[in-house]
Amino acid sequence: MTEAGVSEGEVRDPGLQPERTRLAWRRTTLSSTVAAVLAGKSALHGGPSAAGVVVCAMCCVLWLWFLVVAHRRIRTLATTGDDGPPALAARHATAATLCTVTLAVCGAALVL
């Protein structure tokens, strides 16, 4: 047995992990979309205010930024060969994390 749990005679299917990762990116994008829409609805509920419009616009920009990062990663995972996908670049991982956390903070600010 090797350290990955696959015996030396078995061949690991490299297509499964990229597919699961693509699906995870799609789920995260969907969750981000729902959070942005709910934040926008909350910001504009009861009439638009200047602060609400600014936070709503910020949520939309963050959502678009996350969408670009996620789409780039999904496309990379879909076009990889047999050797597997390359690691996610640190700047892309940082961008995705910042978008997610900032969108959550904006949503929480609108609810409170």
PDB file of N, CA and C in Angstrom:
ATOM      1  N   MET A   1       0.843  -1.188   0.000  1.00  0.00           N
ATOM      2  CA  MET A   1       0.000   0.000   0.000  1.00  0.00           C
ATOM      3  C   MET A   1       0.884   1.246   0.000  1.00  0.00           C
ATOM      4  N   THR A   2       0.498   2.217  -0.757  1.00  0.00           N
ATOM      5  CA  THR A   2       1.197   3.490  -0.759  1.00  0.00           C
ATOM      6  C   THR A   2       0.559   4.389   0.273  1.00  0.00           C
ATOM      7  N   GLU A   3       1.123   5.575   0.453  1.00  0.00           N
ATOM      8  CA  GLU A   3       0.581   6.469   1.481  1.00  0.00           C
ATOM      9  C   GLU A   3      -0.790   7.033   1.132  1.00  0.00           C
ATOM     10  N   ALA A   4      -1.202   6.957  -0.134  1.00  0.00           N
ATOM     11  CA  ALA A   4      -2.521   7.446  -0.530  1.00  0.00           C
ATOM     12  C   ALA A   4      -3.597   6.385  -0.318  1.00  0.00           C
ATOM     13  N   GLY A   5      -3.202   5.188   0.131  1.00  0.00           N
ATOM     14  CA  GLY A   5      -4.188   4.146   0.368  1.00  0.00           C
ATOM     15  C   GLY A   5      -4.471   3.313  -0.868  1.00  0.00           C
ATOM     16  N   VAL A   6      -3.692   3.485  -1.927  1.00  0.00           N
ATOM     17  CA  VAL A   6      -3.867   2.739  -3.166  1.00  0.00           C
ATOM     18  C   VAL A   6      -2.689   1.797  -3.299  1.00  0.00           C
ATOM     19  N   SER A   7      -2.958   0.516  -3.552  1.00  0.00           N
ATOM     20  CA  SER A   7      -1.853  -0.421  -3.709  1.00  0.00           C
ATOM     21  C   SER A   7      -1.109  -0.110  -4.992  1.00  0.00           C
ATOM     22  N   GLU A   8       0.111  -0.610  -5.083  1.00  0.00           N
ATOM     23  CA  GLU A   8       0.965  -0.266  -6.217  1.00  0.00           C
ATOM     24  C   GLU A   8       0.410  -0.772  -7.537  1.00  0.00           C
ATOM     25  N   GLY A   9      -0.386  -1.827  -7.529  1.00  0.00           N
ATOM     26  CA  GLY A   9      -0.939  -2.371  -8.761  1.00  0.00           C
ATOM     27  C   GLY A   9      -2.168  -1.604  -9.255  1.00  0.00           C
ATOM     28  N   GLU A  10      -2.819  -0.853  -8.369  1.00  0.00           N
ATOM     29  CA  GLU A  10      -4.019  -0.118  -8.745  1.00  0.00           C
ATOM     30  C   GLU A  10      -3.657   1.234  -9.338  1.00  0.00           C
ATOM     31  N   VAL A  11      -4.522   1.703 -10.221  1.00  0.00           N
ATOM     32  CA  VAL A  11      -4.324   3.022 -10.820  1.00  0.00           C
ATOM     33  C   VAL A  11      -5.402   3.944 -10.272  1.00  0.00           C
ATOM     34  N   ARG A  12      -4.980   5.065  -9.752  1.00  0.00           N
ATOM     35  CA  ARG A  12      -5.921   6.055  -9.204  1.00  0.00           C
ATOM     36  C   ARG A  12      -6.555   6.827 -10.351  1.00  0.00           C
ATOM     37  N   ASP A  13      -7.848   7.024 -10.281  1.00  0.00           N
ATOM     38  CA  ASP A  13      -8.550   7.804 -11.299  1.00  0.00           C
ATOM     39  C   ASP A  13      -8.397   9.280 -10.971  1.00  0.00           C
ATOM     40  N   PRO A  14      -7.582  10.034 -11.715  1.00  0.00           N
ATOM     41  CA  PRO A  14      -7.357  11.439 -11.382  1.00  0.00           C
ATOM     42  C   PRO A  14      -8.551  12.328 -11.720  1.00  0.00           C
ATOM     43  N   GLY A  15      -9.554  11.788 -12.393  1.00  0.00           N
ATOM     44  CA  GLY A  15     -10.687  12.611 -12.793  1.00  0.00           C
ATOM     45  C   GLY A  15     -11.703  12.867 -11.703  1.00  0.00           C
ATOM     46  N   LEU A  16     -11.663  12.096 -10.637  1.00  0.00           N
ATOM     47  CA  LEU A  16     -12.672  12.238  -9.593  1.00  0.00           C
ATOM     48  C   LEU A  16     -12.450  13.470  -8.726  1.00  0.00           C
ATOM     49  N   GLN A  17     -11.238  13.690  -8.279  1.00  0.00           N
ATOM     50  CA  GLN A  17     -10.972  14.829  -7.406  1.00  0.00           C
ATOM     51  C   GLN A  17     -11.228  16.167  -8.101  1.00  0.00           C
ATOM     52  N   PRO A  18     -10.755  16.376  -9.339  1.00  0.00           N
ATOM     53  CA  PRO A  18     -11.082  17.652  -9.999  1.00  0.00           C
ATOM     54  C   PRO A  18     -12.588  17.873 -10.173  1.00  0.00           C
ATOM     55  N   GLU A  19     -13.325  16.786 -10.424  1.00  0.00           N
ATOM     56  CA  GLU A  19     -14.777  16.923 -10.571  1.00  0.00           C
ATOM     57  C   GLU A  19     -15.422  17.351  -9.250  1.00  0.00           C
ATOM     58  N   ARG A  20     -15.002  16.742  -8.150  1.00  0.00           N
ATOM     59  CA  ARG A  20     -15.542  17.145  -6.842  1.00  0.00           C
ATOM     60  C   ARG A  20     -15.170  18.586  -6.516  1.00  0.00           C
ATOM     61  N   THR A  21     -13.963  18.975  -6.869  1.00  0.00           N
ATOM     62  CA  THR A  21     -13.527  20.347  -6.616  1.00  0.00           C
ATOM     63  C   THR A  21     -14.318  21.328  -7.463  1.00  0.00           C
ATOM     64  N   ARG A  22     -14.568  20.994  -8.722  1.00  0.00           N
ATOM     65  CA  ARG A  22     -15.404  21.857  -9.582  1.00  0.00           C
ATOM     66  C   ARG A  22     -16.794  22.023  -8.987  1.00  0.00           C
ATOM     67  N   LEU A  23     -17.368  20.916  -8.514  1.00  0.00           N
ATOM     68  CA  LEU A  23     -18.698  20.995  -7.903  1.00  0.00           C
ATOM     69  C   LEU A  23     -18.677  21.843  -6.631  1.00  0.00           C
ATOM     70  N   ALA A  24     -17.609  21.743  -5.850  1.00  0.00           N
ATOM     71  CA  ALA A  24     -17.500  22.564  -4.638  1.00  0.00           C
ATOM     72  C   ALA A  24     -17.415  24.047  -4.991  1.00  0.00           C
ATOM     73  N   TRP A  25     -16.652  24.383  -6.031  1.00  0.00           N
ATOM     74  CA  TRP A  25     -16.575  25.787  -6.460  1.00  0.00           C
ATOM     75  C   TRP A  25     -17.945  26.274  -6.933  1.00  0.00           C
ATOM     76  N   ARG A  26     -18.683  25.420  -7.632  1.00  0.00           N
ATOM     77  CA  ARG A  26     -20.025  25.825  -8.092  1.00  0.00           C
ATOM     78  C   ARG A  26     -20.977  26.034  -6.919  1.00  0.00           C
ATOM     79  N   ARG A  27     -20.911  25.148  -5.921  1.00  0.00           N
ATOM     80  CA  ARG A  27     -21.759  25.326  -4.737  1.00  0.00           C
ATOM     81  C   ARG A  27     -21.409  26.604  -3.993  1.00  0.00           C
ATOM     82  N   THR A  28     -20.135  26.882  -3.882  1.00  0.00           N
ATOM     83  CA  THR A  28     -19.708  28.100  -3.195  1.00  0.00           C
ATOM     84  C   THR A  28     -20.143  29.334  -3.970  1.00  0.00           C
ATOM     85  N   THR A  29     -20.082  29.273  -5.281  1.00  0.00           N
ATOM     86  CA  THR A  29     -20.546  30.390  -6.106  1.00  0.00           C
ATOM     87  C   THR A  29     -22.039  30.600  -5.932  1.00  0.00           C
ATOM     88  N   LEU A  30     -22.798  29.512  -5.875  1.00  0.00           N
ATOM     89  CA  LEU A  30     -24.239  29.620  -5.651  1.00  0.00           C
ATOM     90  C   LEU A  30     -24.536  30.224  -4.281  1.00  0.00           C
ATOM     91  N   SER A  31     -23.809  29.783  -3.262  1.00  0.00           N
ATOM     92  CA  SER A  31     -23.994  30.344  -1.918  1.00  0.00           C
ATOM     93  C   SER A  31     -23.655  31.824  -1.888  1.00  0.00           C
ATOM     94  N   SER A  32     -22.604  32.201  -2.578  1.00  0.00           N
ATOM     95  CA  SER A  32     -22.209  33.609  -2.657  1.00  0.00           C
ATOM     96  C   SER A  32     -23.283  34.424  -3.366  1.00  0.00           C
ATOM     97  N   THR A  33     -23.875  33.862  -4.394  1.00  0.00           N
ATOM     98  CA  THR A  33     -24.944  34.546  -5.118  1.00  0.00           C
ATOM     99  C   THR A  33     -26.147  34.786  -4.212  1.00  0.00           C
ATOM    100  N   VAL A  34     -26.519  33.767  -3.466  1.00  0.00           N
ATOM    101  CA  VAL A  34     -27.659  33.902  -2.547  1.00  0.00           C
ATOM    102  C   VAL A  34     -27.367  34.959  -1.487  1.00  0.00           C
ATOM    103  N   ALA A  35     -26.148  34.937  -0.943  1.00  0.00           N
ATOM    104  CA  ALA A  35     -25.782  35.932   0.073  1.00  0.00           C
ATOM    105  C   ALA A  35     -25.816  37.343  -0.503  1.00  0.00           C
ATOM    106  N   ALA A  36     -25.334  37.526  -1.727  1.00  0.00           N
ATOM    107  CA  ALA A  36     -25.337  38.853  -2.350  1.00  0.00           C
ATOM    108  C   ALA A  36     -26.762  39.332  -2.624  1.00  0.00           C
ATOM    109  N   VAL A  37     -27.614  38.430  -3.089  1.00  0.00           N
ATOM    110  CA  VAL A  37     -28.997  38.809  -3.371  1.00  0.00           C
ATOM    111  C   VAL A  37     -29.733  39.170  -2.077  1.00  0.00           C
ATOM    112  N   LEU A  38     -29.544  38.375  -1.044  1.00  0.00           N
ATOM    113  CA  LEU A  38     -30.195  38.677   0.238  1.00  0.00           C
ATOM    114  C   LEU A  38     -29.664  39.966   0.850  1.00  0.00           C
ATOM    115  N   ALA A  39     -28.372  40.220   0.700  1.00  0.00           N
ATOM    116  CA  ALA A  39     -27.804  41.469   1.201  1.00  0.00           C
ATOM    117  C   ALA A  39     -28.374  42.655   0.435  1.00  0.00           C
ATOM    118  N   GLY A  40     -28.513  42.516  -0.884  1.00  0.00           N
ATOM    119  CA  GLY A  40     -29.120  43.584  -1.681  1.00  0.00           C
ATOM    120  C   GLY A  40     -30.565  43.822  -1.321  1.00  0.00           C
ATOM    121  N   LYS A  41     -31.306  42.740  -1.105  1.00  0.00           N
ATOM    122  CA  LYS A  41     -32.712  42.870  -0.705  1.00  0.00           C
ATOM    123  C   LYS A  41     -32.822  43.558   0.648  1.00  0.00           C
ATOM    124  N   SER A  42     -31.961  43.175   1.573  1.00  0.00           N
ATOM    125  CA  SER A  42     -31.971  43.774   2.902  1.00  0.00           C
ATOM    126  C   SER A  42     -31.583  45.246   2.852  1.00  0.00           C
ATOM    127  N   ALA A  43     -30.634  45.589   1.991  1.00  0.00           N
ATOM    128  CA  ALA A  43     -30.173  46.982   1.893  1.00  0.00           C
ATOM    129  C   ALA A  43     -31.249  47.887   1.320  1.00  0.00           C
ATOM    130  N   LEU A  44     -32.037  47.351   0.410  1.00  0.00           N
ATOM    131  CA  LEU A  44     -33.033  48.187  -0.258  1.00  0.00           C
ATOM    132  C   LEU A  44     -34.431  48.042   0.337  1.00  0.00           C
ATOM    133  N   HIS A  45     -34.583  47.213   1.351  1.00  0.00           N
ATOM    134  CA  HIS A  45     -35.878  47.029   1.998  1.00  0.00           C
ATOM    135  C   HIS A  45     -36.250  48.297   2.771  1.00  0.00           C
ATOM    136  N   GLY A  46     -37.447  48.759   2.585  1.00  0.00           N
ATOM    137  CA  GLY A  46     -37.899  49.963   3.282  1.00  0.00           C
ATOM    138  C   GLY A  46     -37.397  51.245   2.650  1.00  0.00           C
ATOM    139  N   GLY A  47     -36.979  51.170   1.424  1.00  0.00           N
ATOM    140  CA  GLY A  47     -36.488  52.361   0.726  1.00  0.00           C
ATOM    141  C   GLY A  47     -34.971  52.437   0.762  1.00  0.00           C
ATOM    142  N   PRO A  48     -34.405  52.876  -0.335  1.00  0.00           N
ATOM    143  CA  PRO A  48     -32.942  52.939  -0.397  1.00  0.00           C
ATOM    144  C   PRO A  48     -32.385  54.104   0.427  1.00  0.00           C
ATOM    145  N   SER A  49     -31.337  53.811   1.166  1.00  0.00           N
ATOM    146  CA  SER A  49     -30.597  54.843   1.872  1.00  0.00           C
ATOM    147  C   SER A  49     -29.196  54.902   1.255  1.00  0.00           C
ATOM    148  N   ALA A  50     -28.484  55.946   1.528  1.00  0.00           N
ATOM    149  CA  ALA A  50     -27.148  56.087   0.945  1.00  0.00           C
ATOM    150  C   ALA A  50     -26.225  54.964   1.408  1.00  0.00           C
ATOM    151  N   ALA A  51     -26.249  54.661   2.696  1.00  0.00           N
ATOM    152  CA  ALA A  51     -25.397  53.596   3.223  1.00  0.00           C
ATOM    153  C   ALA A  51     -25.819  52.238   2.672  1.00  0.00           C
ATOM    154  N   GLY A  52     -27.110  52.007   2.569  1.00  0.00           N
ATOM    155  CA  GLY A  52     -27.617  50.744   2.030  1.00  0.00           C
ATOM    156  C   GLY A  52     -27.219  50.534   0.588  1.00  0.00           C
ATOM    157  N   VAL A  53     -27.293  51.596  -0.206  1.00  0.00           N
ATOM    158  CA  VAL A  53     -26.920  51.499  -1.616  1.00  0.00           C
ATOM    159  C   VAL A  53     -25.417  51.236  -1.749  1.00  0.00           C
ATOM    160  N   VAL A  54     -24.606  51.886  -0.922  1.00  0.00           N
ATOM    161  CA  VAL A  54     -23.153  51.675  -0.974  1.00  0.00           C
ATOM    162  C   VAL A  54     -22.806  50.240  -0.597  1.00  0.00           C
ATOM    163  N   VAL A  55     -23.412  49.734   0.464  1.00  0.00           N
ATOM    164  CA  VAL A  55     -23.134  48.360   0.888  1.00  0.00           C
ATOM    165  C   VAL A  55     -23.644  47.370  -0.149  1.00  0.00           C
ATOM    166  N   CYS A  56     -24.792  47.643  -0.735  1.00  0.00           N
ATOM    167  CA  CYS A  56     -25.340  46.786  -1.788  1.00  0.00           C
ATOM    168  C   CYS A  56     -24.411  46.758  -3.000  1.00  0.00           C
ATOM    169  N   ALA A  57     -23.914  47.912  -3.395  1.00  0.00           N
ATOM    170  CA  ALA A  57     -22.975  47.987  -4.521  1.00  0.00           C
ATOM    171  C   ALA A  57     -21.685  47.237  -4.195  1.00  0.00           C
ATOM    172  N   MET A  58     -21.221  47.366  -2.953  1.00  0.00           N
ATOM    173  CA  MET A  58     -20.010  46.663  -2.543  1.00  0.00           C
ATOM    174  C   MET A  58     -20.224  45.152  -2.581  1.00  0.00           C
ATOM    175  N   CYS A  59     -21.389  44.700  -2.157  1.00  0.00           N
ATOM    176  CA  CYS A  59     -21.703  43.274  -2.217  1.00  0.00           C
ATOM    177  C   CYS A  59     -21.715  42.776  -3.664  1.00  0.00           C
ATOM    178  N   CYS A  60     -22.254  43.574  -4.552  1.00  0.00           N
ATOM    179  CA  CYS A  60     -22.288  43.190  -5.965  1.00  0.00           C
ATOM    180  C   CYS A  60     -20.880  43.104  -6.558  1.00  0.00           C
ATOM    181  N   VAL A  61     -20.028  44.056  -6.217  1.00  0.00           N
ATOM    182  CA  VAL A  61     -18.652  44.035  -6.709  1.00  0.00           C
ATOM    183  C   VAL A  61     -17.907  42.826  -6.155  1.00  0.00           C
ATOM    184  N   LEU A  62     -18.082  42.554  -4.873  1.00  0.00           N
ATOM    185  CA  LEU A  62     -17.438  41.391  -4.273  1.00  0.00           C
ATOM    186  C   LEU A  62     -17.928  40.102  -4.909  1.00  0.00           C
ATOM    187  N   TRP A  63     -19.208  40.023  -5.166  1.00  0.00           N
ATOM    188  CA  TRP A  63     -19.766  38.838  -5.796  1.00  0.00           C
ATOM    189  C   TRP A  63     -19.181  38.649  -7.200  1.00  0.00           C
ATOM    190  N   LEU A  64     -19.093  39.718  -7.968  1.00  0.00           N
ATOM    191  CA  LEU A  64     -18.515  39.614  -9.309  1.00  0.00           C
ATOM    192  C   LEU A  64     -17.050  39.198  -9.255  1.00  0.00           C
ATOM    193  N   TRP A  65     -16.309  39.736  -8.299  1.00  0.00           N
ATOM    194  CA  TRP A  65     -14.905  39.393  -8.148  1.00  0.00           C
ATOM    195  C   TRP A  65     -14.764  37.905  -7.810  1.00  0.00           C
ATOM    196  N   PHE A  66     -15.591  37.420  -6.884  1.00  0.00           N
ATOM    197  CA  PHE A  66     -15.554  36.005  -6.533  1.00  0.00           C
ATOM    198  C   PHE A  66     -15.958  35.148  -7.721  1.00  0.00           C
ATOM    199  N   LEU A  67     -16.935  35.588  -8.493  1.00  0.00           N
ATOM    200  CA  LEU A  67     -17.386  34.850  -9.660  1.00  0.00           C
ATOM    201  C   LEU A  67     -16.259  34.686 -10.675  1.00  0.00           C
ATOM    202  N   VAL A  68     -15.473  35.724 -10.880  1.00  0.00           N
ATOM    203  CA  VAL A  68     -14.348  35.656 -11.812  1.00  0.00           C
ATOM    204  C   VAL A  68     -13.306  34.646 -11.321  1.00  0.00           C
ATOM    205  N   VAL A  69     -12.961  34.710 -10.037  1.00  0.00           N
ATOM    206  CA  VAL A  69     -11.972  33.780  -9.473  1.00  0.00           C
ATOM    207  C   VAL A  69     -12.488  32.342  -9.572  1.00  0.00           C
ATOM    208  N   ALA A  70     -13.734  32.119  -9.213  1.00  0.00           N
ATOM    209  CA  ALA A  70     -14.305  30.769  -9.238  1.00  0.00           C
ATOM    210  C   ALA A  70     -14.386  30.239 -10.667  1.00  0.00           C
ATOM    211  N   HIS A  71     -14.805  31.082 -11.599  1.00  0.00           N
ATOM    212  CA  HIS A  71     -14.919  30.634 -12.991  1.00  0.00           C
ATOM    213  C   HIS A  71     -13.545  30.275 -13.554  1.00  0.00           C
ATOM    214  N   ARG A  72     -12.537  31.064 -13.214  1.00  0.00           N
ATOM    215  CA  ARG A  72     -11.177  30.765 -13.676  1.00  0.00           C
ATOM    216  C   ARG A  72     -10.722  29.403 -13.136  1.00  0.00           C
ATOM    217  N   ARG A  73     -11.010  29.133 -11.855  1.00  0.00           N
ATOM    218  CA  ARG A  73     -10.600  27.856 -11.268  1.00  0.00           C
ATOM    219  C   ARG A  73     -11.391  26.698 -11.861  1.00  0.00           C
ATOM    220  N   ILE A  74     -12.679  26.868 -12.067  1.00  0.00           N
ATOM    221  CA  ILE A  74     -13.495  25.813 -12.671  1.00  0.00           C
ATOM    222  C   ILE A  74     -12.995  25.497 -14.074  1.00  0.00           C
ATOM    223  N   ARG A  75     -12.678  26.529 -14.834  1.00  0.00           N
ATOM    224  CA  ARG A  75     -12.170  26.332 -16.191  1.00  0.00           C
ATOM    225  C   ARG A  75     -10.823  25.612 -16.166  1.00  0.00           C
ATOM    226  N   THR A  76      -9.954  25.965 -15.220  1.00  0.00           N
ATOM    227  CA  THR A  76      -8.663  25.295 -15.092  1.00  0.00           C
ATOM    228  C   THR A  76      -8.840  23.824 -14.749  1.00  0.00           C
ATOM    229  N   LEU A  77      -9.753  23.533 -13.848  1.00  0.00           N
ATOM    230  CA  LEU A  77      -9.996  22.143 -13.467  1.00  0.00           C
ATOM    231  C   LEU A  77     -10.575  21.330 -14.619  1.00  0.00           C
ATOM    232  N   ALA A  78     -11.361  21.968 -15.468  1.00  0.00           N
ATOM    233  CA  ALA A  78     -11.999  21.267 -16.577  1.00  0.00           C
ATOM    234  C   ALA A  78     -11.023  20.974 -17.709  1.00  0.00           C
ATOM    235  N   THR A  79      -9.952  21.734 -17.816  1.00  0.00           N
ATOM    236  CA  THR A  79      -9.037  21.576 -18.947  1.00  0.00           C
ATOM    237  C   THR A  79      -7.711  20.923 -18.575  1.00  0.00           C
ATOM    238  N   THR A  80      -7.642  20.289 -17.422  1.00  0.00           N
ATOM    239  CA  THR A  80      -6.391  19.666 -17.010  1.00  0.00           C
ATOM    240  C   THR A  80      -6.243  18.298 -17.639  1.00  0.00           C
ATOM    241  N   GLY A  81      -5.021  17.862 -17.745  1.00  0.00           N
ATOM    242  CA  GLY A  81      -4.717  16.557 -18.319  1.00  0.00           C
ATOM    243  C   GLY A  81      -4.731  15.464 -17.275  1.00  0.00           C
ATOM    244  N   ASP A  82      -4.048  14.368 -17.585  1.00  0.00           N
ATOM    245  CA  ASP A  82      -4.016  13.206 -16.697  1.00  0.00           C
ATOM    246  C   ASP A  82      -3.192  13.437 -15.441  1.00  0.00           C
ATOM    247  N   ASP A  83      -2.298  14.402 -15.460  1.00  0.00           N
ATOM    248  CA  ASP A  83      -1.441  14.630 -14.304  1.00  0.00           C
ATOM    249  C   ASP A  83      -2.133  15.429 -13.202  1.00  0.00           C
ATOM    250  N   GLY A  84      -3.356  15.846 -13.418  1.00  0.00           N
ATOM    251  CA  GLY A  84      -4.112  16.564 -12.396  1.00  0.00           C
ATOM    252  C   GLY A  84      -3.986  18.067 -12.543  1.00  0.00           C
ATOM    253  N   PRO A  85      -4.832  18.800 -11.861  1.00  0.00           N
ATOM    254  CA  PRO A  85      -4.828  20.254 -11.974  1.00  0.00           C
ATOM    255  C   PRO A  85      -3.668  20.871 -11.198  1.00  0.00           C
ATOM    256  N   PRO A  86      -3.226  22.036 -11.642  1.00  0.00           N
ATOM    257  CA  PRO A  86      -2.192  22.728 -10.866  1.00  0.00           C
ATOM    258  C   PRO A  86      -2.795  23.276  -9.576  1.00  0.00           C
ATOM    259  N   ALA A  87      -1.938  23.533  -8.629  1.00  0.00           N
ATOM    260  CA  ALA A  87      -2.401  24.083  -7.354  1.00  0.00           C
ATOM    261  C   ALA A  87      -2.975  25.477  -7.565  1.00  0.00           C
ATOM    262  N   LEU A  88      -3.922  25.827  -6.735  1.00  0.00           N
ATOM    263  CA  LEU A  88      -4.521  27.153  -6.791  1.00  0.00           C
ATOM    264  C   LEU A  88      -3.476  28.183  -6.378  1.00  0.00           C
ATOM    265  N   ALA A  89      -3.322  29.208  -7.188  1.00  0.00           N
ATOM    266  CA  ALA A  89      -2.337  30.249  -6.892  1.00  0.00           C
ATOM    267  C   ALA A  89      -2.712  30.957  -5.591  1.00  0.00           C
ATOM    268  N   ALA A  90      -1.706  31.356  -4.854  1.00  0.00           N
ATOM    269  CA  ALA A  90      -1.935  31.997  -3.551  1.00  0.00           C
ATOM    270  C   ALA A  90      -2.758  33.267  -3.694  1.00  0.00           C
ATOM    271  N   ARG A  91      -2.509  34.039  -4.740  1.00  0.00           N
ATOM    272  CA  ARG A  91      -3.280  35.286  -4.902  1.00  0.00           C
ATOM    273  C   ARG A  91      -4.739  35.004  -5.218  1.00  0.00           C
ATOM    274  N   HIS A  92      -5.026  33.922  -5.953  1.00  0.00           N
ATOM    275  CA  HIS A  92      -6.418  33.576  -6.237  1.00  0.00           C
ATOM    276  C   HIS A  92      -7.114  33.052  -4.985  1.00  0.00           C
ATOM    277  N   ALA A  93      -6.402  32.260  -4.204  1.00  0.00           N
ATOM    278  CA  ALA A  93      -6.976  31.762  -2.953  1.00  0.00           C
ATOM    279  C   ALA A  93      -7.248  32.914  -1.993  1.00  0.00           C
ATOM    280  N   THR A  94      -6.319  33.860  -1.934  1.00  0.00           N
ATOM    281  CA  THR A  94      -6.501  35.030  -1.079  1.00  0.00           C
ATOM    282  C   THR A  94      -7.684  35.862  -1.544  1.00  0.00           C
ATOM    283  N   ALA A  95      -7.799  36.051  -2.860  1.00  0.00           N
ATOM    284  CA  ALA A  95      -8.916  36.828  -3.404  1.00  0.00           C
ATOM    285  C   ALA A  95     -10.251  36.168  -3.090  1.00  0.00           C
ATOM    286  N   ALA A  96     -10.335  34.856  -3.270  1.00  0.00           N
ATOM    287  CA  ALA A  96     -11.584  34.141  -2.977  1.00  0.00           C
ATOM    288  C   ALA A  96     -11.931  34.239  -1.495  1.00  0.00           C
ATOM    289  N   THR A  97     -10.936  34.094  -0.643  1.00  0.00           N
ATOM    290  CA  THR A  97     -11.169  34.187   0.800  1.00  0.00           C
ATOM    291  C   THR A  97     -11.611  35.581   1.202  1.00  0.00           C
ATOM    292  N   LEU A  98     -10.929  36.591   0.696  1.00  0.00           N
ATOM    293  CA  LEU A  98     -11.306  37.975   1.017  1.00  0.00           C
ATOM    294  C   LEU A  98     -12.713  38.306   0.542  1.00  0.00           C
ATOM    295  N   CYS A  99     -13.061  37.866  -0.654  1.00  0.00           N
ATOM    296  CA  CYS A  99     -14.415  38.107  -1.167  1.00  0.00           C
ATOM    297  C   CYS A  99     -15.459  37.447  -0.284  1.00  0.00           C
ATOM    298  N   THR A 100     -15.218  36.210   0.089  1.00  0.00           N
ATOM    299  CA  THR A 100     -16.180  35.478   0.898  1.00  0.00           C
ATOM    300  C   THR A 100     -16.357  36.117   2.272  1.00  0.00           C
ATOM    301  N   VAL A 101     -15.249  36.425   2.924  1.00  0.00           N
ATOM    302  CA  VAL A 101     -15.325  37.001   4.266  1.00  0.00           C
ATOM    303  C   VAL A 101     -15.944  38.396   4.227  1.00  0.00           C
ATOM    304  N   THR A 102     -15.536  39.219   3.272  1.00  0.00           N
ATOM    305  CA  THR A 102     -16.067  40.567   3.177  1.00  0.00           C
ATOM    306  C   THR A 102     -17.551  40.553   2.823  1.00  0.00           C
ATOM    307  N   LEU A 103     -17.964  39.651   1.953  1.00  0.00           N
ATOM    308  CA  LEU A 103     -19.385  39.534   1.624  1.00  0.00           C
ATOM    309  C   LEU A 103     -20.181  39.118   2.849  1.00  0.00           C
ATOM    310  N   ALA A 104     -19.639  38.227   3.669  1.00  0.00           N
ATOM    311  CA  ALA A 104     -20.318  37.816   4.902  1.00  0.00           C
ATOM    312  C   ALA A 104     -20.416  38.987   5.875  1.00  0.00           C
ATOM    313  N   VAL A 105     -19.357  39.780   5.986  1.00  0.00           N
ATOM    314  CA  VAL A 105     -19.380  40.945   6.883  1.00  0.00           C
ATOM    315  C   VAL A 105     -20.396  41.962   6.400  1.00  0.00           C
ATOM    316  N   CYS A 106     -20.431  42.207   5.088  1.00  0.00           N
ATOM    317  CA  CYS A 106     -21.417  43.165   4.550  1.00  0.00           C
ATOM    318  C   CYS A 106     -22.841  42.677   4.799  1.00  0.00           C
ATOM    319  N   GLY A 107     -23.060  41.384   4.592  1.00  0.00           N
ATOM    320  CA  GLY A 107     -24.388  40.825   4.852  1.00  0.00           C
ATOM    321  C   GLY A 107     -24.770  40.950   6.313  1.00  0.00           C
ATOM    322  N   ALA A 108     -23.823  40.690   7.195  1.00  0.00           N
ATOM    323  CA  ALA A 108     -24.106  40.810   8.628  1.00  0.00           C
ATOM    324  C   ALA A 108     -24.370  42.265   9.012  1.00  0.00           C
ATOM    325  N   ALA A 109     -23.633  43.205   8.399  1.00  0.00           N
ATOM    326  CA  ALA A 109     -23.846  44.633   8.680  1.00  0.00           C
ATOM    327  C   ALA A 109     -25.235  45.064   8.236  1.00  0.00           C
ATOM    328  N   LEU A 110     -25.719  44.513   7.137  1.00  0.00           N
ATOM    329  CA  LEU A 110     -27.043  44.894   6.657  1.00  0.00           C
ATOM    330  C   LEU A 110     -28.151  44.305   7.525  1.00  0.00           C
ATOM    331  N   VAL A 111     -27.911  43.124   8.074  1.00  0.00           N
ATOM    332  CA  VAL A 111     -28.933  42.506   8.925  1.00  0.00           C
ATOM    333  C   VAL A 111     -29.022  43.198  10.272  1.00  0.00           C
ATOM    334  N   LEU A 112     -27.881  43.595  10.813  1.00  0.00           N
ATOM    335  CA  LEU A 112     -27.867  44.249  12.124  1.00  0.00           C
ATOM    336  C   LEU A 112     -28.250  45.675  11.938  1.00  0.00           C
TER     337      LEU A 112
END
